[in-house]
Amino acid sequence: MLFALSLWAGVLLGAEGKVIKVLPHWVDFQGRHTLSPSLYERDAYQELLRNHPEKRAGLQFEVLWKVSSRVSGPLRLRMELRGSNPGPSEIVELEVKRGFFGRRWSRLVLDPQQFARVGTVTAWKATLLDNQQVVAENQSFLW
């Protein structure tokens, strides 16, 4: 019984945070990724931007993450991007604050210059940092 309890405590104490979901969205020249709040409209507009590269101005990532109450330092969300253009990975960072129950959505936006340097994003890696310590990370299949 004591052994089972110690395993359960280790599982609970080991989870500092998690990057739950990463949603990449194309952005048009007005900075929009959708024309209305409807999820159907968002998906339709993303399909339009996917099929018409000349209408794309950038890319944004919406990231759902959470941390445990033991994480107390300043939090940063980092996205590393690999693209079709040669060169090193592009890195975008954002200082984030803990949300309700430690869970929150955050948006990272590539400016037009970063978007041009990367080209078409082929792989990404999202990392949540407490000071400089990695708390959680998630990556695309091709990373």
N, C-alpha and C. Protein backbone atom coordinates (compact mmCIF):
# COMPACT_ATOMS: atom_id res chain seq x y z
N MET A 1 0.83 -1.18 0.00
CA MET A 1 0.00 0.00 0.00
C MET A 1 0.88 1.26 0.00
N LEU A 2 1.92 1.24 0.83
CA LEU A 2 2.82 2.38 0.91
C LEU A 2 3.54 2.60 -0.43
N PHE A 3 3.90 1.51 -1.08
CA PHE A 3 4.56 1.60 -2.38
C PHE A 3 3.64 2.25 -3.41
N ALA A 4 2.38 1.86 -3.43
CA ALA A 4 1.41 2.43 -4.38
C ALA A 4 1.22 3.91 -4.11
N LEU A 5 1.15 4.31 -2.85
CA LEU A 5 1.02 5.72 -2.50
C LEU A 5 2.24 6.52 -2.93
N SER A 6 3.42 5.96 -2.77
CA SER A 6 4.63 6.69 -3.17
C SER A 6 4.68 6.86 -4.69
N LEU A 7 4.24 5.86 -5.45
CA LEU A 7 4.17 6.01 -6.91
C LEU A 7 3.18 7.10 -7.30
N TRP A 8 2.01 7.11 -6.67
CA TRP A 8 0.99 8.11 -6.96
C TRP A 8 1.50 9.51 -6.62
N ALA A 9 2.18 9.67 -5.52
CA ALA A 9 2.73 10.98 -5.14
C ALA A 9 3.78 11.42 -6.14
N GLY A 10 4.59 10.50 -6.64
CA GLY A 10 5.60 10.84 -7.63
C GLY A 10 4.98 11.33 -8.92
N VAL A 11 3.88 10.71 -9.32
CA VAL A 11 3.18 11.14 -10.53
C VAL A 11 2.62 12.54 -10.32
N LEU A 12 2.01 12.79 -9.16
CA LEU A 12 1.42 14.10 -8.90
C LEU A 12 2.49 15.19 -8.79
N LEU A 13 3.58 14.90 -8.13
CA LEU A 13 4.62 15.91 -7.93
C LEU A 13 5.45 16.13 -9.19
N GLY A 14 5.49 15.16 -10.09
CA GLY A 14 6.31 15.29 -11.28
C GLY A 14 5.73 16.21 -12.34
N ALA A 15 4.43 16.43 -12.32
CA ALA A 15 3.78 17.24 -13.35
C ALA A 15 3.83 18.71 -12.97
N GLU A 16 4.79 19.46 -13.52
CA GLU A 16 4.90 20.89 -13.25
C GLU A 16 4.02 21.70 -14.19
N GLY A 17 3.91 21.26 -15.43
CA GLY A 17 3.12 21.99 -16.40
C GLY A 17 2.92 21.18 -17.66
N LYS A 18 2.12 21.76 -18.56
CA LYS A 18 1.84 21.05 -19.80
C LYS A 18 1.44 22.06 -20.86
N VAL A 19 1.96 21.88 -22.06
CA VAL A 19 1.48 22.61 -23.23
C VAL A 19 0.42 21.70 -23.83
N ILE A 20 -0.83 22.08 -23.69
CA ILE A 20 -1.94 21.21 -24.04
C ILE A 20 -2.23 21.21 -25.53
N LYS A 21 -2.29 22.40 -26.13
CA LYS A 21 -2.71 22.50 -27.52
C LYS A 21 -2.02 23.67 -28.19
N VAL A 22 -1.65 23.50 -29.45
CA VAL A 22 -1.05 24.57 -30.26
C VAL A 22 -1.83 24.64 -31.57
N LEU A 23 -2.42 25.82 -31.83
CA LEU A 23 -3.20 26.02 -33.04
C LEU A 23 -2.52 27.07 -33.93
N PRO A 24 -1.95 26.67 -35.06
CA PRO A 24 -1.37 27.66 -35.98
C PRO A 24 -2.47 28.22 -36.89
N HIS A 25 -2.45 29.54 -37.10
CA HIS A 25 -3.43 30.20 -37.98
C HIS A 25 -2.72 31.18 -38.90
N TRP A 26 -3.10 31.18 -40.17
CA TRP A 26 -2.64 32.20 -41.10
C TRP A 26 -3.30 33.51 -40.70
N VAL A 27 -2.62 34.62 -40.99
CA VAL A 27 -3.14 35.96 -40.70
C VAL A 27 -3.12 36.76 -41.99
N ASP A 28 -4.19 37.55 -42.23
CA ASP A 28 -4.25 38.37 -43.44
C ASP A 28 -3.58 39.73 -43.19
N PHE A 29 -3.63 40.62 -44.17
CA PHE A 29 -2.94 41.91 -44.07
C PHE A 29 -3.60 42.86 -43.07
N GLN A 30 -4.82 42.56 -42.63
CA GLN A 30 -5.47 43.34 -41.58
C GLN A 30 -5.25 42.73 -40.20
N GLY A 31 -4.46 41.66 -40.12
CA GLY A 31 -4.16 41.01 -38.85
C GLY A 31 -5.24 40.06 -38.38
N ARG A 32 -6.15 39.66 -39.26
CA ARG A 32 -7.26 38.77 -38.90
C ARG A 32 -6.95 37.33 -39.27
N HIS A 33 -7.39 36.41 -38.40
CA HIS A 33 -7.29 34.99 -38.74
C HIS A 33 -8.68 34.41 -39.02
N THR A 34 -9.71 35.21 -38.77
CA THR A 34 -11.09 34.84 -39.06
C THR A 34 -11.87 36.12 -39.31
N LEU A 35 -13.03 35.98 -39.93
CA LEU A 35 -13.87 37.15 -40.19
C LEU A 35 -14.98 37.32 -39.17
N SER A 36 -15.26 36.26 -38.40
CA SER A 36 -16.28 36.33 -37.35
C SER A 36 -15.91 35.32 -36.26
N PRO A 37 -16.57 35.38 -35.11
CA PRO A 37 -16.22 34.47 -34.00
C PRO A 37 -16.59 33.00 -34.22
N SER A 38 -17.28 32.70 -35.28
CA SER A 38 -17.72 31.34 -35.55
C SER A 38 -16.53 30.43 -35.90
N LEU A 39 -16.49 29.24 -35.30
CA LEU A 39 -15.43 28.29 -35.63
C LEU A 39 -15.53 27.83 -37.08
N TYR A 40 -16.74 27.70 -37.58
CA TYR A 40 -16.92 27.33 -38.99
C TYR A 40 -16.33 28.41 -39.89
N GLU A 41 -16.63 29.67 -39.57
CA GLU A 41 -16.11 30.79 -40.37
C GLU A 41 -14.58 30.84 -40.28
N ARG A 42 -14.02 30.58 -39.08
CA ARG A 42 -12.57 30.57 -38.94
C ARG A 42 -11.95 29.51 -39.84
N ASP A 43 -12.50 28.30 -39.82
CA ASP A 43 -11.95 27.22 -40.65
C ASP A 43 -12.08 27.54 -42.13
N ALA A 44 -13.21 28.15 -42.53
CA ALA A 44 -13.40 28.51 -43.94
C ALA A 44 -12.39 29.59 -44.35
N TYR A 45 -12.16 30.57 -43.47
CA TYR A 45 -11.21 31.64 -43.80
C TYR A 45 -9.77 31.11 -43.83
N GLN A 46 -9.46 30.18 -42.94
CA GLN A 46 -8.13 29.56 -42.95
C GLN A 46 -7.92 28.77 -44.25
N GLU A 47 -8.96 28.11 -44.73
CA GLU A 47 -8.87 27.39 -46.01
C GLU A 47 -8.62 28.36 -47.16
N LEU A 48 -9.30 29.51 -47.13
CA LEU A 48 -9.09 30.54 -48.16
C LEU A 48 -7.64 31.03 -48.13
N LEU A 49 -7.12 31.33 -46.93
CA LEU A 49 -5.74 31.80 -46.82
C LEU A 49 -4.74 30.71 -47.21
N ARG A 50 -5.06 29.48 -46.92
CA ARG A 50 -4.17 28.37 -47.30
C ARG A 50 -4.08 28.25 -48.82
N ASN A 51 -5.20 28.44 -49.50
CA ASN A 51 -5.24 28.29 -50.96
C ASN A 51 -4.78 29.53 -51.72
N HIS A 52 -4.67 30.68 -51.03
CA HIS A 52 -4.26 31.93 -51.68
C HIS A 52 -3.12 32.57 -50.89
N PRO A 53 -1.89 32.12 -51.11
CA PRO A 53 -0.74 32.64 -50.35
C PRO A 53 -0.54 34.14 -50.49
N GLU A 54 -1.00 34.73 -51.57
CA GLU A 54 -0.83 36.17 -51.75
C GLU A 54 -1.68 36.98 -50.76
N LYS A 55 -2.65 36.36 -50.12
CA LYS A 55 -3.49 37.05 -49.14
C LYS A 55 -2.96 36.90 -47.71
N ARG A 56 -1.88 36.12 -47.54
CA ARG A 56 -1.31 35.90 -46.21
C ARG A 56 -0.28 36.97 -45.89
N ALA A 57 -0.35 37.47 -44.65
CA ALA A 57 0.64 38.45 -44.20
C ALA A 57 1.49 37.90 -43.07
N GLY A 58 1.05 36.84 -42.45
CA GLY A 58 1.80 36.31 -41.31
C GLY A 58 1.17 35.05 -40.77
N LEU A 59 1.62 34.71 -39.58
CA LEU A 59 1.19 33.49 -38.93
C LEU A 59 1.11 33.76 -37.44
N GLN A 60 0.13 33.16 -36.79
CA GLN A 60 0.04 33.26 -35.33
C GLN A 60 -0.20 31.86 -34.76
N PHE A 61 0.22 31.70 -33.52
CA PHE A 61 0.02 30.44 -32.81
C PHE A 61 -0.77 30.74 -31.55
N GLU A 62 -1.88 30.03 -31.37
CA GLU A 62 -2.64 30.11 -30.14
C GLU A 62 -2.29 28.87 -29.34
N VAL A 63 -1.79 29.08 -28.12
CA VAL A 63 -1.25 28.00 -27.31
C VAL A 63 -2.02 27.91 -26.00
N LEU A 64 -2.55 26.73 -25.70
CA LEU A 64 -3.21 26.47 -24.42
C LEU A 64 -2.20 25.74 -23.55
N TRP A 65 -1.94 26.30 -22.36
CA TRP A 65 -0.95 25.72 -21.46
C TRP A 65 -1.46 25.82 -20.03
N LYS A 66 -0.84 25.03 -19.15
CA LYS A 66 -1.17 25.10 -17.73
C LYS A 66 0.08 24.80 -16.92
N VAL A 67 0.10 25.31 -15.69
CA VAL A 67 1.20 25.04 -14.76
C VAL A 67 0.63 24.75 -13.38
N SER A 68 1.41 24.04 -12.59
CA SER A 68 1.00 23.75 -11.23
C SER A 68 1.25 24.97 -10.35
N SER A 69 0.69 24.95 -9.17
CA SER A 69 0.84 26.08 -8.25
C SER A 69 2.27 26.19 -7.72
N ARG A 70 3.08 25.14 -7.87
CA ARG A 70 4.47 25.19 -7.39
C ARG A 70 5.37 26.03 -8.29
N VAL A 71 4.94 26.29 -9.51
CA VAL A 71 5.72 27.12 -10.43
C VAL A 71 5.42 28.57 -10.06
N SER A 72 6.45 29.29 -9.61
CA SER A 72 6.19 30.63 -9.07
C SER A 72 6.92 31.75 -9.79
N GLY A 73 7.89 31.44 -10.61
CA GLY A 73 8.69 32.47 -11.24
C GLY A 73 8.00 33.11 -12.43
N PRO A 74 8.67 34.05 -13.07
CA PRO A 74 8.12 34.65 -14.28
C PRO A 74 8.10 33.61 -15.41
N LEU A 75 6.97 33.52 -16.10
CA LEU A 75 6.80 32.51 -17.14
C LEU A 75 6.99 33.12 -18.52
N ARG A 76 7.62 32.34 -19.40
CA ARG A 76 7.80 32.75 -20.80
C ARG A 76 7.37 31.58 -21.68
N LEU A 77 6.71 31.93 -22.77
CA LEU A 77 6.31 30.95 -23.77
C LEU A 77 7.18 31.18 -24.99
N ARG A 78 7.85 30.12 -25.45
CA ARG A 78 8.77 30.21 -26.59
C ARG A 78 8.29 29.28 -27.70
N MET A 79 8.24 29.82 -28.92
CA MET A 79 7.95 29.01 -30.10
C MET A 79 9.19 29.01 -30.98
N GLU A 80 9.66 27.82 -31.31
CA GLU A 80 10.77 27.66 -32.25
C GLU A 80 10.16 27.12 -33.54
N LEU A 81 10.51 27.75 -34.67
CA LEU A 81 9.90 27.42 -35.94
C LEU A 81 10.95 27.06 -36.98
N ARG A 82 10.70 25.98 -37.69
CA ARG A 82 11.51 25.62 -38.85
C ARG A 82 10.63 25.78 -40.07
N GLY A 83 11.21 26.31 -41.13
CA GLY A 83 10.41 26.56 -42.31
C GLY A 83 11.06 26.08 -43.59
N SER A 84 10.41 26.43 -44.69
CA SER A 84 10.90 26.01 -46.00
C SER A 84 12.13 26.79 -46.44
N ASN A 85 12.34 27.98 -45.88
CA ASN A 85 13.54 28.76 -46.22
C ASN A 85 14.73 28.25 -45.42
N PRO A 86 15.92 28.22 -46.03
CA PRO A 86 17.11 27.74 -45.30
C PRO A 86 17.50 28.72 -44.20
N GLY A 87 18.17 28.21 -43.22
CA GLY A 87 18.63 29.07 -42.13
C GLY A 87 18.26 28.48 -40.79
N PRO A 88 18.68 29.17 -39.73
CA PRO A 88 18.40 28.67 -38.39
C PRO A 88 16.91 28.78 -38.06
N SER A 89 16.52 28.12 -36.99
CA SER A 89 15.14 28.20 -36.52
C SER A 89 14.82 29.63 -36.08
N GLU A 90 13.60 30.04 -36.33
CA GLU A 90 13.12 31.34 -35.88
C GLU A 90 12.52 31.15 -34.49
N ILE A 91 12.82 32.07 -33.57
CA ILE A 91 12.33 31.95 -32.19
C ILE A 91 11.48 33.18 -31.86
N VAL A 92 10.29 32.92 -31.32
CA VAL A 92 9.38 33.98 -30.88
C VAL A 92 9.09 33.70 -29.41
N GLU A 93 9.25 34.72 -28.55
CA GLU A 93 8.99 34.54 -27.12
C GLU A 93 7.98 35.57 -26.64
N LEU A 94 7.27 35.19 -25.59
CA LEU A 94 6.25 36.04 -25.00
C LEU A 94 6.22 35.80 -23.50
N GLU A 95 6.21 36.88 -22.72
CA GLU A 95 6.03 36.74 -21.28
C GLU A 95 4.56 36.51 -21.02
N VAL A 96 4.24 35.48 -20.23
CA VAL A 96 2.85 35.12 -19.98
C VAL A 96 2.58 35.09 -18.48
N LYS A 97 1.32 35.22 -18.12
CA LYS A 97 0.91 35.16 -16.72
C LYS A 97 -0.02 33.97 -16.53
N ARG A 98 0.06 33.41 -15.35
CA ARG A 98 -0.76 32.26 -15.00
C ARG A 98 -2.24 32.64 -15.08
N GLY A 99 -3.05 31.75 -15.62
CA GLY A 99 -4.48 31.97 -15.73
C GLY A 99 -5.23 31.36 -14.57
N PHE A 100 -6.52 31.32 -14.70
CA PHE A 100 -7.41 30.74 -13.69
C PHE A 100 -7.08 29.26 -13.55
N PHE A 101 -6.80 28.81 -12.34
CA PHE A 101 -6.36 27.44 -12.06
C PHE A 101 -5.09 27.08 -12.82
N GLY A 102 -4.26 28.07 -13.15
CA GLY A 102 -2.98 27.82 -13.80
C GLY A 102 -3.07 27.54 -15.28
N ARG A 103 -4.26 27.70 -15.88
CA ARG A 103 -4.49 27.35 -17.29
C ARG A 103 -4.80 28.62 -18.08
N ARG A 104 -4.24 28.72 -19.30
CA ARG A 104 -4.43 29.94 -20.07
C ARG A 104 -4.13 29.74 -21.56
N TRP A 105 -4.81 30.52 -22.39
CA TRP A 105 -4.50 30.63 -23.81
C TRP A 105 -3.57 31.81 -24.00
N SER A 106 -2.56 31.66 -24.84
CA SER A 106 -1.65 32.76 -25.19
C SER A 106 -1.48 32.77 -26.70
N ARG A 107 -1.27 33.97 -27.25
CA ARG A 107 -1.12 34.13 -28.69
C ARG A 107 0.27 34.68 -29.01
N LEU A 108 1.00 33.96 -29.87
CA LEU A 108 2.29 34.42 -30.37
C LEU A 108 2.13 34.72 -31.85
N VAL A 109 2.56 35.91 -32.26
CA VAL A 109 2.37 36.35 -33.64
C VAL A 109 3.73 36.57 -34.29
N LEU A 110 3.89 36.03 -35.50
CA LEU A 110 5.09 36.31 -36.29
C LEU A 110 4.86 37.61 -37.04
N ASP A 111 5.79 38.52 -36.94
CA ASP A 111 5.66 39.74 -37.72
C ASP A 111 6.02 39.42 -39.18
N PRO A 112 5.72 40.32 -40.12
CA PRO A 112 5.97 40.02 -41.54
C PRO A 112 7.43 39.67 -41.86
N GLN A 113 8.40 40.28 -41.16
CA GLN A 113 9.80 39.97 -41.41
C GLN A 113 10.14 38.54 -40.97
N GLN A 114 9.66 38.15 -39.79
CA GLN A 114 9.88 36.78 -39.33
C GLN A 114 9.20 35.79 -40.27
N PHE A 115 7.98 36.12 -40.66
CA PHE A 115 7.22 35.26 -41.57
C PHE A 115 7.98 35.06 -42.88
N ALA A 116 8.58 36.12 -43.41
CA ALA A 116 9.35 36.03 -44.66
C ALA A 116 10.61 35.19 -44.46
N ARG A 117 11.27 35.32 -43.30
CA ARG A 117 12.49 34.55 -43.05
C ARG A 117 12.20 33.05 -42.94
N VAL A 118 11.08 32.70 -42.32
CA VAL A 118 10.75 31.29 -42.11
C VAL A 118 10.22 30.65 -43.39
N GLY A 119 9.36 31.35 -44.11
CA GLY A 119 8.68 30.75 -45.25
C GLY A 119 7.51 29.93 -44.73
N THR A 120 7.22 28.85 -45.39
CA THR A 120 6.16 27.96 -44.93
C THR A 120 6.66 27.16 -43.74
N VAL A 121 5.96 27.25 -42.61
CA VAL A 121 6.38 26.54 -41.40
C VAL A 121 6.19 25.05 -41.61
N THR A 122 7.27 24.30 -41.41
CA THR A 122 7.22 22.85 -41.57
C THR A 122 7.22 22.13 -40.22
N ALA A 123 7.72 22.79 -39.17
CA ALA A 123 7.76 22.17 -37.85
C ALA A 123 7.84 23.26 -36.79
N TRP A 124 7.30 22.97 -35.60
CA TRP A 124 7.34 23.93 -34.49
C TRP A 124 7.54 23.19 -33.17
N LYS A 125 8.01 23.95 -32.20
CA LYS A 125 8.18 23.43 -30.85
C LYS A 125 7.79 24.53 -29.88
N ALA A 126 6.83 24.26 -29.00
CA ALA A 126 6.38 25.22 -27.99
C ALA A 126 6.96 24.82 -26.65
N THR A 127 7.58 25.78 -25.95
CA THR A 127 8.22 25.52 -24.67
C THR A 127 7.74 26.55 -23.66
N LEU A 128 7.35 26.09 -22.48
CA LEU A 128 6.97 26.97 -21.38
C LEU A 128 8.12 26.98 -20.39
N LEU A 129 8.61 28.18 -20.07
CA LEU A 129 9.80 28.33 -19.21
C LEU A 129 9.45 29.07 -17.93
N ASP A 130 9.99 28.60 -16.83
CA ASP A 130 9.94 29.29 -15.54
C ASP A 130 11.37 29.76 -15.28
N ASN A 131 11.59 31.08 -15.36
CA ASN A 131 12.94 31.65 -15.45
C ASN A 131 13.59 31.03 -16.67
N GLN A 132 14.62 30.24 -16.55
CA GLN A 132 15.22 29.58 -17.71
C GLN A 132 15.02 28.06 -17.68
N GLN A 133 14.22 27.58 -16.73
CA GLN A 133 13.99 26.15 -16.58
C GLN A 133 12.75 25.73 -17.39
N VAL A 134 12.88 24.66 -18.16
CA VAL A 134 11.77 24.16 -18.96
C VAL A 134 10.74 23.52 -18.04
N VAL A 135 9.51 24.00 -18.14
CA VAL A 135 8.41 23.47 -17.34
C VAL A 135 7.60 22.48 -18.16
N ALA A 136 7.36 22.81 -19.43
CA ALA A 136 6.59 21.96 -20.32
C ALA A 136 6.95 22.26 -21.76
N GLU A 137 6.69 21.29 -22.63
CA GLU A 137 6.90 21.53 -24.05
C GLU A 137 6.02 20.58 -24.86
N ASN A 138 5.78 21.01 -26.08
CA ASN A 138 5.02 20.22 -27.04
C ASN A 138 5.61 20.54 -28.41
N GLN A 139 5.60 19.60 -29.31
CA GLN A 139 6.19 19.83 -30.61
C GLN A 139 5.36 19.17 -31.69
N SER A 140 5.53 19.67 -32.90
CA SER A 140 4.83 19.09 -34.04
C SER A 140 5.47 17.76 -34.39
N PHE A 141 4.77 17.01 -35.20
CA PHE A 141 5.22 15.67 -35.58
C PHE A 141 6.59 15.70 -36.28
N LEU A 142 6.84 16.73 -37.09
CA LEU A 142 8.08 16.78 -37.86
C LEU A 142 9.25 17.41 -37.14
N TRP A 143 9.09 17.84 -35.89
CA TRP A 143 10.17 18.48 -35.18
C TRP A 143 11.26 17.46 -34.94
